[in-house]
Amino acid sequence: MAQRNAAAAERLETRLAKASRTRVELRNPQTNYNKLTLAAAQKRYPALDPKSLLASRRLGKAQDLIIGQPAFFDELNAMLKTEPLADLKTYLRWHLVRSVAPALPTAYGLRRSGLPLQPSPDRGQAASQPPSSAGPSTATSGA
């Protein structure tokens, strides 16, 4: 199950990444300014339902939208129509967990990078700290 979920999340993320502009393409302000009327956006992205989305955000009076990356939204709209609901839920769950990972206690064994932490031999020592190369403390109280 975990492998299937990981494959689904990776597949969807890859689809969206391929539809996204590169960093260099994002530097061009003219290509990132794509004004659409709400009616045109509703027609172009029916699965996203921009009209309802804006209304739910108390922006129902908006008549125009600026779409920075139309190809991305084209792909997202297509994904919502073609991908299984279970895979879409898996993808959203993955993003949710990834977004809150920095706030999770280290007991979950994750770093922000998603790589597992090495178990700490001393529970009082932070698991992300490298072990001391000097070994155990040899300091003694003055005699």
N, C-alpha and C. Protein backbone atom coordinates (compact mmCIF):
# COMPACT_ATOMS: atom_id res chain seq x y z
N MET A 1 0.82 -1.19 0.00
CA MET A 1 0.00 0.00 0.00
C MET A 1 0.87 1.26 0.00
N ALA A 2 1.91 1.28 0.82
CA ALA A 2 2.78 2.45 0.89
C ALA A 2 3.48 2.70 -0.44
N GLN A 3 3.91 1.64 -1.11
CA GLN A 3 4.58 1.81 -2.41
C GLN A 3 3.61 2.34 -3.45
N ARG A 4 2.38 1.85 -3.41
CA ARG A 4 1.36 2.31 -4.36
C ARG A 4 1.06 3.79 -4.12
N ASN A 5 0.93 4.19 -2.85
CA ASN A 5 0.67 5.59 -2.52
C ASN A 5 1.83 6.49 -2.94
N ALA A 6 3.04 6.01 -2.69
CA ALA A 6 4.23 6.79 -3.09
C ALA A 6 4.29 6.95 -4.60
N ALA A 7 3.98 5.89 -5.32
CA ALA A 7 4.00 5.95 -6.79
C ALA A 7 2.93 6.92 -7.30
N ALA A 8 1.76 6.91 -6.69
CA ALA A 8 0.69 7.81 -7.11
C ALA A 8 1.08 9.26 -6.86
N ALA A 9 1.62 9.55 -5.68
CA ALA A 9 2.03 10.92 -5.34
C ALA A 9 3.13 11.39 -6.29
N GLU A 10 4.08 10.53 -6.56
CA GLU A 10 5.17 10.89 -7.46
C GLU A 10 4.66 11.12 -8.88
N ARG A 11 3.75 10.28 -9.34
CA ARG A 11 3.20 10.42 -10.68
C ARG A 11 2.48 11.76 -10.84
N LEU A 12 1.64 12.11 -9.86
CA LEU A 12 0.90 13.37 -9.93
C LEU A 12 1.84 14.58 -9.81
N GLU A 13 2.79 14.49 -8.92
CA GLU A 13 3.76 15.57 -8.76
C GLU A 13 4.55 15.77 -10.05
N THR A 14 4.91 14.69 -10.71
CA THR A 14 5.66 14.76 -11.96
C THR A 14 4.82 15.40 -13.06
N ARG A 15 3.55 15.05 -13.13
CA ARG A 15 2.67 15.66 -14.13
C ARG A 15 2.61 17.17 -13.95
N LEU A 16 2.45 17.60 -12.72
CA LEU A 16 2.38 19.04 -12.46
C LEU A 16 3.73 19.73 -12.70
N ALA A 17 4.81 19.05 -12.35
CA ALA A 17 6.14 19.63 -12.55
C ALA A 17 6.43 19.82 -14.04
N LYS A 18 6.04 18.86 -14.85
CA LYS A 18 6.27 18.97 -16.29
C LYS A 18 5.46 20.11 -16.91
N ALA A 19 4.32 20.44 -16.31
CA ALA A 19 3.46 21.51 -16.82
C ALA A 19 3.87 22.87 -16.27
N SER A 20 4.81 22.90 -15.34
CA SER A 20 5.24 24.15 -14.71
C SER A 20 6.34 24.80 -15.53
N ARG A 21 6.42 26.11 -15.41
CA ARG A 21 7.47 26.85 -16.09
C ARG A 21 8.78 26.69 -15.32
N THR A 22 9.87 26.83 -16.04
CA THR A 22 11.19 26.78 -15.42
C THR A 22 11.45 28.09 -14.69
N ARG A 23 12.48 28.12 -13.88
CA ARG A 23 12.85 29.36 -13.18
C ARG A 23 13.16 30.49 -14.16
N VAL A 24 13.81 30.14 -15.25
CA VAL A 24 14.14 31.15 -16.26
C VAL A 24 12.86 31.68 -16.90
N GLU A 25 11.93 30.80 -17.23
CA GLU A 25 10.66 31.23 -17.83
C GLU A 25 9.86 32.11 -16.87
N LEU A 26 9.99 31.85 -15.58
CA LEU A 26 9.25 32.64 -14.60
C LEU A 26 9.77 34.08 -14.48
N ARG A 27 10.95 34.34 -15.01
CA ARG A 27 11.54 35.68 -14.93
C ARG A 27 10.88 36.66 -15.91
N ASN A 28 10.17 36.15 -16.89
CA ASN A 28 9.57 37.01 -17.90
C ASN A 28 8.19 37.47 -17.43
N PRO A 29 8.03 38.72 -17.04
CA PRO A 29 6.75 39.18 -16.51
C PRO A 29 5.62 39.14 -17.54
N GLN A 30 5.95 39.29 -18.83
CA GLN A 30 4.91 39.27 -19.85
C GLN A 30 4.25 37.88 -19.97
N THR A 31 5.03 36.83 -19.85
CA THR A 31 4.44 35.49 -19.98
C THR A 31 3.72 35.06 -18.70
N ASN A 32 3.98 35.75 -17.61
CA ASN A 32 3.32 35.40 -16.34
C ASN A 32 2.06 36.22 -16.08
N TYR A 33 1.73 37.11 -16.99
CA TYR A 33 0.54 37.93 -16.84
C TYR A 33 -0.47 37.48 -17.89
N ASN A 34 -1.38 36.64 -17.48
CA ASN A 34 -2.39 36.08 -18.38
C ASN A 34 -3.76 36.37 -17.78
N LYS A 35 -4.32 37.49 -18.20
CA LYS A 35 -5.59 37.93 -17.66
C LYS A 35 -6.73 37.19 -18.37
N LEU A 36 -7.61 36.63 -17.55
CA LEU A 36 -8.81 35.94 -18.05
C LEU A 36 -10.02 36.50 -17.32
N THR A 37 -11.11 36.60 -18.04
CA THR A 37 -12.35 36.93 -17.34
C THR A 37 -12.75 35.70 -16.54
N LEU A 38 -13.55 35.90 -15.54
CA LEU A 38 -14.01 34.78 -14.73
C LEU A 38 -14.76 33.77 -15.59
N ALA A 39 -15.55 34.27 -16.53
CA ALA A 39 -16.29 33.38 -17.43
C ALA A 39 -15.34 32.54 -18.27
N ALA A 40 -14.28 33.15 -18.79
CA ALA A 40 -13.30 32.40 -19.59
C ALA A 40 -12.55 31.38 -18.74
N ALA A 41 -12.20 31.76 -17.53
CA ALA A 41 -11.52 30.82 -16.64
C ALA A 41 -12.44 29.66 -16.27
N GLN A 42 -13.71 29.95 -16.05
CA GLN A 42 -14.68 28.90 -15.72
C GLN A 42 -14.81 27.92 -16.89
N LYS A 43 -14.79 28.45 -18.10
CA LYS A 43 -14.89 27.60 -19.29
C LYS A 43 -13.61 26.78 -19.50
N ARG A 44 -12.46 27.40 -19.27
CA ARG A 44 -11.18 26.74 -19.50
C ARG A 44 -10.86 25.72 -18.40
N TYR A 45 -11.26 26.02 -17.16
CA TYR A 45 -10.93 25.16 -16.01
C TYR A 45 -12.20 24.71 -15.27
N PRO A 46 -13.09 23.99 -15.94
CA PRO A 46 -14.36 23.63 -15.28
C PRO A 46 -14.17 22.72 -14.06
N ALA A 47 -13.17 21.86 -14.07
CA ALA A 47 -12.96 20.96 -12.93
C ALA A 47 -12.48 21.74 -11.70
N LEU A 48 -11.80 22.86 -11.93
CA LEU A 48 -11.35 23.69 -10.82
C LEU A 48 -12.47 24.58 -10.30
N ASP A 49 -13.44 24.87 -11.13
CA ASP A 49 -14.59 25.69 -10.79
C ASP A 49 -14.17 27.01 -10.11
N PRO A 50 -13.48 27.87 -10.88
CA PRO A 50 -12.99 29.12 -10.30
C PRO A 50 -14.07 29.98 -9.66
N LYS A 51 -15.26 29.99 -10.25
CA LYS A 51 -16.33 30.82 -9.71
C LYS A 51 -16.67 30.41 -8.28
N SER A 52 -16.86 29.12 -8.04
CA SER A 52 -17.17 28.64 -6.69
C SER A 52 -15.98 28.81 -5.75
N LEU A 53 -14.78 28.59 -6.29
CA LEU A 53 -13.58 28.73 -5.47
C LEU A 53 -13.45 30.17 -4.97
N LEU A 54 -13.66 31.13 -5.84
CA LEU A 54 -13.58 32.53 -5.44
C LEU A 54 -14.69 32.88 -4.45
N ALA A 55 -15.89 32.39 -4.72
CA ALA A 55 -17.01 32.68 -3.81
C ALA A 55 -16.73 32.12 -2.42
N SER A 56 -16.13 30.94 -2.35
CA SER A 56 -15.84 30.34 -1.04
C SER A 56 -14.77 31.11 -0.28
N ARG A 57 -13.99 31.91 -1.01
CA ARG A 57 -12.94 32.74 -0.41
C ARG A 57 -13.41 34.19 -0.23
N ARG A 58 -14.71 34.40 -0.35
CA ARG A 58 -15.32 35.73 -0.25
C ARG A 58 -14.78 36.69 -1.32
N LEU A 59 -14.49 36.14 -2.48
CA LEU A 59 -14.02 36.94 -3.61
C LEU A 59 -14.99 36.80 -4.79
N GLY A 60 -16.24 36.56 -4.49
CA GLY A 60 -17.24 36.30 -5.52
C GLY A 60 -17.50 37.46 -6.46
N LYS A 61 -17.10 38.66 -6.10
CA LYS A 61 -17.31 39.82 -6.97
C LYS A 61 -16.22 39.97 -8.03
N ALA A 62 -15.17 39.18 -7.92
CA ALA A 62 -14.07 39.26 -8.89
C ALA A 62 -14.58 38.91 -10.29
N GLN A 63 -14.16 39.68 -11.25
CA GLN A 63 -14.57 39.45 -12.64
C GLN A 63 -13.41 38.99 -13.52
N ASP A 64 -12.18 39.23 -13.06
CA ASP A 64 -10.99 38.87 -13.83
C ASP A 64 -10.01 38.12 -12.93
N LEU A 65 -9.23 37.28 -13.57
CA LEU A 65 -8.18 36.52 -12.88
C LEU A 65 -6.87 36.69 -13.64
N ILE A 66 -5.78 36.67 -12.92
CA ILE A 66 -4.46 36.64 -13.53
C ILE A 66 -3.92 35.24 -13.30
N ILE A 67 -3.70 34.51 -14.37
CA ILE A 67 -3.21 33.13 -14.29
C ILE A 67 -1.73 33.15 -14.65
N GLY A 68 -0.88 32.94 -13.68
CA GLY A 68 0.56 33.01 -13.91
C GLY A 68 1.09 31.90 -14.79
N GLN A 69 0.55 30.70 -14.64
CA GLN A 69 1.03 29.56 -15.40
C GLN A 69 -0.16 28.78 -15.97
N PRO A 70 -0.70 29.23 -17.10
CA PRO A 70 -1.88 28.56 -17.65
C PRO A 70 -1.68 27.07 -17.93
N ALA A 71 -0.51 26.68 -18.39
CA ALA A 71 -0.28 25.25 -18.68
C ALA A 71 -0.38 24.40 -17.42
N PHE A 72 0.07 24.95 -16.29
CA PHE A 72 -0.04 24.25 -15.01
C PHE A 72 -1.52 24.02 -14.67
N PHE A 73 -2.31 25.07 -14.81
CA PHE A 73 -3.74 24.95 -14.49
C PHE A 73 -4.47 24.08 -15.50
N ASP A 74 -4.02 24.07 -16.76
CA ASP A 74 -4.58 23.14 -17.75
C ASP A 74 -4.35 21.70 -17.29
N GLU A 75 -3.14 21.44 -16.84
CA GLU A 75 -2.80 20.08 -16.39
C GLU A 75 -3.54 19.72 -15.11
N LEU A 76 -3.62 20.64 -14.18
CA LEU A 76 -4.35 20.39 -12.95
C LEU A 76 -5.82 20.11 -13.24
N ASN A 77 -6.41 20.88 -14.12
CA ASN A 77 -7.80 20.67 -14.52
C ASN A 77 -7.97 19.28 -15.14
N ALA A 78 -7.04 18.89 -16.01
CA ALA A 78 -7.09 17.56 -16.64
C ALA A 78 -6.94 16.45 -15.60
N MET A 79 -6.04 16.66 -14.65
CA MET A 79 -5.83 15.65 -13.60
C MET A 79 -7.10 15.43 -12.79
N LEU A 80 -7.79 16.51 -12.48
CA LEU A 80 -9.01 16.38 -11.68
C LEU A 80 -10.09 15.60 -12.43
N LYS A 81 -10.02 15.61 -13.74
CA LYS A 81 -10.99 14.87 -14.56
C LYS A 81 -10.59 13.41 -14.77
N THR A 82 -9.28 13.14 -14.81
CA THR A 82 -8.83 11.82 -15.25
C THR A 82 -8.23 10.94 -14.16
N GLU A 83 -7.68 11.52 -13.13
CA GLU A 83 -7.02 10.72 -12.10
C GLU A 83 -8.03 10.13 -11.12
N PRO A 84 -7.77 8.92 -10.64
CA PRO A 84 -8.67 8.34 -9.63
C PRO A 84 -8.71 9.20 -8.37
N LEU A 85 -9.89 9.30 -7.79
CA LEU A 85 -10.07 10.10 -6.58
C LEU A 85 -9.13 9.64 -5.47
N ALA A 86 -8.93 8.34 -5.33
CA ALA A 86 -8.04 7.82 -4.29
C ALA A 86 -6.62 8.35 -4.47
N ASP A 87 -6.16 8.44 -5.72
CA ASP A 87 -4.80 8.95 -5.96
C ASP A 87 -4.72 10.45 -5.67
N LEU A 88 -5.76 11.19 -6.01
CA LEU A 88 -5.78 12.62 -5.69
C LEU A 88 -5.75 12.84 -4.19
N LYS A 89 -6.50 12.04 -3.45
CA LYS A 89 -6.49 12.14 -1.98
C LYS A 89 -5.12 11.80 -1.43
N THR A 90 -4.49 10.79 -1.97
CA THR A 90 -3.14 10.40 -1.54
C THR A 90 -2.17 11.55 -1.77
N TYR A 91 -2.26 12.18 -2.92
CA TYR A 91 -1.38 13.30 -3.26
C TYR A 91 -1.58 14.46 -2.29
N LEU A 92 -2.82 14.79 -2.00
CA LEU A 92 -3.10 15.88 -1.06
C LEU A 92 -2.64 15.54 0.35
N ARG A 93 -2.82 14.28 0.75
CA ARG A 93 -2.37 13.83 2.07
C ARG A 93 -0.85 13.95 2.16
N TRP A 94 -0.15 13.56 1.09
CA TRP A 94 1.31 13.67 1.06
C TRP A 94 1.74 15.12 1.24
N HIS A 95 1.08 16.04 0.54
CA HIS A 95 1.43 17.45 0.69
C HIS A 95 1.13 17.97 2.09
N LEU A 96 0.05 17.52 2.67
CA LEU A 96 -0.29 17.93 4.03
C LEU A 96 0.79 17.48 5.01
N VAL A 97 1.15 16.21 4.95
CA VAL A 97 2.17 15.68 5.88
C VAL A 97 3.50 16.38 5.64
N ARG A 98 3.84 16.59 4.40
CA ARG A 98 5.10 17.25 4.07
C ARG A 98 5.13 18.69 4.61
N SER A 99 3.98 19.36 4.55
CA SER A 99 3.93 20.75 5.00
C SER A 99 4.03 20.89 6.51
N VAL A 100 3.61 19.89 7.26
CA VAL A 100 3.66 19.99 8.72
C VAL A 100 4.84 19.22 9.31
N ALA A 101 5.63 18.57 8.48
CA ALA A 101 6.75 17.77 8.98
C ALA A 101 7.68 18.55 9.90
N PRO A 102 8.00 19.83 9.61
CA PRO A 102 8.90 20.54 10.52
C PRO A 102 8.33 20.72 11.93
N ALA A 103 7.02 20.66 12.06
CA ALA A 103 6.40 20.86 13.37
C ALA A 103 6.24 19.55 14.14
N LEU A 104 6.47 18.42 13.48
CA LEU A 104 6.31 17.14 14.15
C LEU A 104 7.45 16.89 15.12
N PRO A 105 7.16 16.25 16.24
CA PRO A 105 8.25 15.91 17.17
C PRO A 105 9.21 14.91 16.52
N THR A 106 10.44 14.92 16.97
CA THR A 106 11.42 14.01 16.38
C THR A 106 11.06 12.56 16.65
N ALA A 107 10.12 12.30 17.54
CA ALA A 107 9.70 10.93 17.80
C ALA A 107 9.15 10.27 16.55
N TYR A 108 8.69 11.09 15.58
CA TYR A 108 8.19 10.53 14.33
C TYR A 108 9.33 10.12 13.41
N GLY A 109 10.55 10.47 13.76
CA GLY A 109 11.71 10.02 13.00
C GLY A 109 11.88 10.68 11.65
N LEU A 110 11.41 11.91 11.49
CA LEU A 110 11.55 12.59 10.22
C LEU A 110 12.26 13.92 10.40
N ARG A 111 13.05 14.25 9.44
CA ARG A 111 13.62 15.58 9.36
C ARG A 111 12.82 16.32 8.31
N ARG A 112 13.07 17.59 8.18
CA ARG A 112 12.40 18.38 7.14
C ARG A 112 12.67 17.79 5.77
N SER A 113 13.84 17.23 5.56
CA SER A 113 14.18 16.65 4.27
C SER A 113 13.41 15.38 3.99
N GLY A 114 12.78 14.82 5.01
CA GLY A 114 12.05 13.57 4.83
C GLY A 114 12.90 12.35 5.08
N LEU A 115 14.19 12.54 5.34
CA LEU A 115 15.06 11.40 5.60
C LEU A 115 14.95 11.00 7.06
N PRO A 116 14.98 9.70 7.34
CA PRO A 116 14.87 9.28 8.73
C PRO A 116 16.09 9.71 9.54
N LEU A 117 15.83 10.02 10.79
CA LEU A 117 16.90 10.34 11.71
C LEU A 117 17.53 9.07 12.23
N GLN A 118 18.78 9.15 12.58
CA GLN A 118 19.43 8.01 13.21
C GLN A 118 19.02 7.98 14.67
N PRO A 119 18.66 6.82 15.20
CA PRO A 119 18.28 6.78 16.61
C PRO A 119 19.43 7.23 17.49
N SER A 120 19.09 7.99 18.49
CA SER A 120 20.09 8.51 19.40
C SER A 120 20.36 7.49 20.50
N PRO A 121 21.63 7.22 20.80
CA PRO A 121 21.93 6.29 21.89
C PRO A 121 21.52 6.85 23.24
N ASP A 122 21.51 8.18 23.36
CA ASP A 122 21.14 8.82 24.61
C ASP A 122 19.85 9.59 24.35
N ARG A 123 18.76 9.17 24.96
CA ARG A 123 17.47 9.80 24.70
C ARG A 123 17.46 11.28 25.06
N GLY A 124 18.37 11.71 25.91
CA GLY A 124 18.45 13.11 26.27
C GLY A 124 19.12 13.96 25.20
N GLN A 125 19.85 13.31 24.30
CA GLN A 125 20.57 14.01 23.24
C GLN A 125 19.66 14.12 22.03
N ALA A 126 19.65 15.26 21.39
CA ALA A 126 18.83 15.42 20.19
C ALA A 126 19.34 14.46 19.13
N ALA A 127 18.42 13.77 18.50
CA ALA A 127 18.79 12.75 17.51
C ALA A 127 19.46 13.36 16.29
N SER A 128 19.24 14.63 16.04
CA SER A 128 19.84 15.23 14.85
C SER A 128 21.25 15.73 15.10
N GLN A 129 21.72 15.71 16.36
CA GLN A 129 23.07 16.17 16.65
C GLN A 129 24.06 15.07 16.34
N PRO A 130 25.19 15.41 15.73
CA PRO A 130 26.20 14.39 15.50
C PRO A 130 26.83 13.98 16.83
N PRO A 131 27.23 12.73 16.93
CA PRO A 131 27.86 12.30 18.19
C PRO A 131 29.17 13.06 18.40
N SER A 132 29.49 13.28 19.64
CA SER A 132 30.71 13.99 19.97
C SER A 132 31.92 13.12 19.64
N SER A 133 32.93 13.72 19.04
CA SER A 133 34.13 12.94 18.71
C SER A 133 35.05 12.80 19.93
N ALA A 134 34.77 13.57 20.99
CA ALA A 134 35.64 13.51 22.16
C ALA A 134 35.24 12.38 23.10
N GLY A 135 34.15 11.72 22.85
CA GLY A 135 33.73 10.62 23.71
C GLY A 135 33.06 11.17 24.95
N PRO A 136 32.84 10.31 25.93
CA PRO A 136 32.16 10.76 27.14
C PRO A 136 33.00 11.80 27.87
N SER A 137 32.28 12.62 28.58
CA SER A 137 32.96 13.68 29.33
C SER A 137 33.88 13.08 30.37
N THR A 138 35.11 13.61 30.46
CA THR A 138 36.07 13.11 31.44
C THR A 138 36.31 14.16 32.53
N ALA A 139 35.52 15.22 32.49
CA ALA A 139 35.71 16.27 33.48
C ALA A 139 35.32 15.75 34.85
N THR A 140 36.10 16.09 35.82
CA THR A 140 35.79 15.70 37.20
C THR A 140 35.73 16.96 38.04
N SER A 141 35.04 16.83 39.13
CA SER A 141 34.98 17.99 40.01
C SER A 141 36.36 18.14 40.67
N GLY A 142 36.73 19.35 40.94
CA GLY A 142 38.03 19.60 41.55
C GLY A 142 38.18 18.91 42.90
N ALA A 143 39.32 18.26 43.12
CA ALA A 143 39.52 17.53 44.37
C ALA A 143 40.57 18.16 45.22
